[in-house]
């Protein structure tokens, strides 16, 4: 396919779970760095990436497909959780549900009064 996976791209993708935990749960701790000056969070992703590159073809393919699928889903979930679009969508759904509820109440009041 000719797709190149860089450390930077994988670091951004692997940051999604951390951002999700920080924004949704508010459980962010101070950032720490290893002796190379790399964030400890990114260091884990880099270590896994380097380990995968040293494995046989099948392990590399399965490992990358699994990691990209999981991290991609987390990234999409993070987008919807932290997106203004989601807030607007939730407001629209609430408005529609509220409108139907009010409409149902008005109809029941009208039916009780002949």
C-alpha atoms as a PDB file:
ATOM      1  CA  UNK A   1       0.000   0.000   0.000  1.00  0.00           C
ATOM      2  CA  UNK A   2       2.953   2.325   0.405  1.00  0.00           C
ATOM      3  CA  UNK A   3       1.776   3.723   3.740  1.00  0.00           C
ATOM      4  CA  UNK A   4       4.518   5.010   6.011  1.00  0.00           C
ATOM      5  CA  UNK A   5       3.973   5.034   9.753  1.00  0.00           C
ATOM      6  CA  UNK A   6       6.141   7.628  11.429  1.00  0.00           C
ATOM      7  CA  UNK A   7       6.859   7.959  15.108  1.00  0.00           C
ATOM      8  CA  UNK A   8       5.087  11.326  15.037  1.00  0.00           C
ATOM      9  CA  UNK A   9       1.891   9.913  13.522  1.00  0.00           C
ATOM     10  CA  UNK A  10       1.808   7.020  15.985  1.00  0.00           C
ATOM     11  CA  UNK A  11       2.538   9.387  18.873  1.00  0.00           C
ATOM     12  CA  UNK A  12      -0.438  11.551  17.896  1.00  0.00           C
ATOM     13  CA  UNK A  13      -2.689   8.527  17.534  1.00  0.00           C
ATOM     14  CA  UNK A  14      -1.532   7.014  20.818  1.00  0.00           C
ATOM     15  CA  UNK A  15      -2.222  10.322  22.576  1.00  0.00           C
ATOM     16  CA  UNK A  16      -6.002   9.875  22.106  1.00  0.00           C
ATOM     17  CA  UNK A  17      -6.551   7.602  25.125  1.00  0.00           C
ATOM     18  CA  UNK A  18      -4.609  10.013  27.332  1.00  0.00           C
ATOM     19  CA  UNK A  19      -6.534  13.053  26.072  1.00  0.00           C
ATOM     20  CA  UNK A  20      -9.790  11.184  26.592  1.00  0.00           C
ATOM     21  CA  UNK A  21      -8.887  10.341  30.185  1.00  0.00           C
ATOM     22  CA  UNK A  22      -7.738  13.911  30.819  1.00  0.00           C
ATOM     23  CA  UNK A  23     -10.784  15.632  29.349  1.00  0.00           C
ATOM     24  CA  UNK A  24     -13.552  13.267  30.373  1.00  0.00           C
ATOM     25  CA  UNK A  25     -12.329  11.985  33.725  1.00  0.00           C
ATOM     26  CA  UNK A  26     -10.096  14.919  34.618  1.00  0.00           C
ATOM     27  CA  UNK A  27      -7.411  12.533  35.861  1.00  0.00           C
ATOM     28  CA  UNK A  28      -4.378  14.196  34.314  1.00  0.00           C
ATOM     29  CA  UNK A  29      -1.182  14.168  36.250  1.00  0.00           C
ATOM     30  CA  UNK A  30       1.869  16.267  35.642  1.00  0.00           C
ATOM     31  CA  UNK A  31       3.741  15.294  32.499  1.00  0.00           C
ATOM     32  CA  UNK A  32       6.965  13.396  33.101  1.00  0.00           C
ATOM     33  CA  UNK A  33       9.817  12.721  30.714  1.00  0.00           C
ATOM     34  CA  UNK A  34      12.413   9.984  30.409  1.00  0.00           C
ATOM     35  CA  UNK A  35      16.176  10.441  30.111  1.00  0.00           C
ATOM     36  CA  UNK A  36      15.832  10.990  26.318  1.00  0.00           C
ATOM     37  CA  UNK A  37      13.452  13.914  26.884  1.00  0.00           C
ATOM     38  CA  UNK A  38      10.466  11.966  25.550  1.00  0.00           C
ATOM     39  CA  UNK A  39       7.156  12.009  27.403  1.00  0.00           C
ATOM     40  CA  UNK A  40       6.665   8.782  29.346  1.00  0.00           C
ATOM     41  CA  UNK A  41       3.288   8.346  27.632  1.00  0.00           C
ATOM     42  CA  UNK A  42       4.895   8.588  24.169  1.00  0.00           C
ATOM     43  CA  UNK A  43       7.802   6.462  25.287  1.00  0.00           C
ATOM     44  CA  UNK A  44       5.473   3.477  25.725  1.00  0.00           C
ATOM     45  CA  UNK A  45       4.068   3.892  22.197  1.00  0.00           C
ATOM     46  CA  UNK A  46       7.580   4.275  20.792  1.00  0.00           C
ATOM     47  CA  UNK A  47       8.780   1.137  22.614  1.00  0.00           C
ATOM     48  CA  UNK A  48       5.851  -0.916  21.265  1.00  0.00           C
ATOM     49  CA  UNK A  49       6.398   0.510  17.760  1.00  0.00           C
ATOM     50  CA  UNK A  50      10.087  -0.406  17.833  1.00  0.00           C
ATOM     51  CA  UNK A  51       9.325  -3.868  19.222  1.00  0.00           C
ATOM     52  CA  UNK A  52       6.813  -4.509  16.432  1.00  0.00           C
ATOM     53  CA  UNK A  53       9.330  -3.465  13.775  1.00  0.00           C
ATOM     54  CA  UNK A  54      11.714  -6.179  15.023  1.00  0.00           C
ATOM     55  CA  UNK A  55       9.140  -8.996  14.751  1.00  0.00           C
ATOM     56  CA  UNK A  56       8.291 -11.242  11.820  1.00  0.00           C
ATOM     57  CA  UNK A  57       5.946 -10.072   9.063  1.00  0.00           C
ATOM     58  CA  UNK A  58       2.774 -11.650  10.476  1.00  0.00           C
ATOM     59  CA  UNK A  59       3.247 -10.206  13.967  1.00  0.00           C
ATOM     60  CA  UNK A  60       3.968  -6.763  12.500  1.00  0.00           C
ATOM     61  CA  UNK A  61       0.836  -6.831  10.339  1.00  0.00           C
ATOM     62  CA  UNK A  62      -1.483  -8.162  13.036  1.00  0.00           C
ATOM     63  CA  UNK A  63       0.027  -5.895  15.681  1.00  0.00           C
ATOM     64  CA  UNK A  64      -0.327  -2.744  13.600  1.00  0.00           C
ATOM     65  CA  UNK A  65      -3.840  -3.599  12.448  1.00  0.00           C
ATOM     66  CA  UNK A  66      -4.935  -4.253  16.026  1.00  0.00           C
ATOM     67  CA  UNK A  67      -3.236  -1.140  17.443  1.00  0.00           C
ATOM     68  CA  UNK A  68      -4.507   1.143  14.688  1.00  0.00           C
ATOM     69  CA  UNK A  69      -8.040  -0.252  14.954  1.00  0.00           C
ATOM     70  CA  UNK A  70      -8.206   0.191  18.735  1.00  0.00           C
ATOM     71  CA  UNK A  71      -6.477   3.579  18.798  1.00  0.00           C
ATOM     72  CA  UNK A  72      -8.530   4.721  15.811  1.00  0.00           C
ATOM     73  CA  UNK A  73     -11.786   3.861  17.577  1.00  0.00           C
ATOM     74  CA  UNK A  74     -10.618   5.649  20.714  1.00  0.00           C
ATOM     75  CA  UNK A  75      -9.646   8.643  18.589  1.00  0.00           C
ATOM     76  CA  UNK A  76     -13.079   8.744  16.929  1.00  0.00           C
ATOM     77  CA  UNK A  77     -14.778   8.422  20.324  1.00  0.00           C
ATOM     78  CA  UNK A  78     -12.587  11.240  21.650  1.00  0.00           C
ATOM     79  CA  UNK A  79     -13.554  13.413  18.679  1.00  0.00           C
ATOM     80  CA  UNK A  80     -17.253  12.973  19.389  1.00  0.00           C
ATOM     81  CA  UNK A  81     -16.847  13.484  23.132  1.00  0.00           C
ATOM     82  CA  UNK A  82     -14.826  16.676  22.799  1.00  0.00           C
ATOM     83  CA  UNK A  83     -16.466  18.077  19.676  1.00  0.00           C
ATOM     84  CA  UNK A  84     -18.791  21.055  19.446  1.00  0.00           C
ATOM     85  CA  UNK A  85     -20.681  18.977  16.883  1.00  0.00           C
ATOM     86  CA  UNK A  86     -21.597  16.496  19.609  1.00  0.00           C
ATOM     87  CA  UNK A  87     -22.878  19.244  21.887  1.00  0.00           C
ATOM     88  CA  UNK A  88     -25.020  20.635  19.072  1.00  0.00           C
ATOM     89  CA  UNK A  89     -26.310  17.173  18.214  1.00  0.00           C
ATOM     90  CA  UNK A  90     -27.190  16.517  21.866  1.00  0.00           C
ATOM     91  CA  UNK A  91     -29.034  19.846  22.049  1.00  0.00           C
ATOM     92  CA  UNK A  92     -31.024  19.010  18.899  1.00  0.00           C
ATOM     93  CA  UNK A  93     -31.962  15.564  20.220  1.00  0.00           C
ATOM     94  CA  UNK A  94     -33.017  17.103  23.533  1.00  0.00           C
ATOM     95  CA  UNK A  95     -35.134  19.699  21.700  1.00  0.00           C
ATOM     96  CA  UNK A  96     -36.881  17.039  19.600  1.00  0.00           C
ATOM     97  CA  UNK A  97     -37.542  14.801  22.606  1.00  0.00           C
ATOM     98  CA  UNK A  98     -38.785  17.730  24.672  1.00  0.00           C
ATOM     99  CA  UNK A  99     -41.034  18.894  21.865  1.00  0.00           C
ATOM    100  CA  UNK A 100     -42.578  15.444  21.517  1.00  0.00           C
ATOM    101  CA  UNK A 101     -43.078  15.215  25.262  1.00  0.00           C
ATOM    102  CA  UNK A 102     -44.772  18.618  25.428  1.00  0.00           C
ATOM    103  CA  UNK A 103     -46.892  17.797  22.361  1.00  0.00           C
ATOM    104  CA  UNK A 104     -48.020  14.516  23.993  1.00  0.00           C
ATOM    105  CA  UNK A 105     -48.960  16.333  27.207  1.00  0.00           C
ATOM    106  CA  UNK A 106     -50.981  18.954  25.308  1.00  0.00           C
ATOM    107  CA  UNK A 107     -52.835  16.241  23.398  1.00  0.00           C
ATOM    108  CA  UNK A 108     -53.705  14.410  26.610  1.00  0.00           C
ATOM    109  CA  UNK A 109     -54.985  17.640  28.164  1.00  0.00           C
ATOM    110  CA  UNK A 110     -57.132  18.377  25.109  1.00  0.00           C
ATOM    111  CA  UNK A 111     -58.627  14.861  25.117  1.00  0.00           C
ATOM    112  CA  UNK A 112     -59.594  15.108  28.785  1.00  0.00           C
ATOM    113  CA  UNK A 113     -61.460  18.378  28.196  1.00  0.00           C
ATOM    114  CA  UNK A 114     -64.439  17.741  25.866  1.00  0.00           C
END
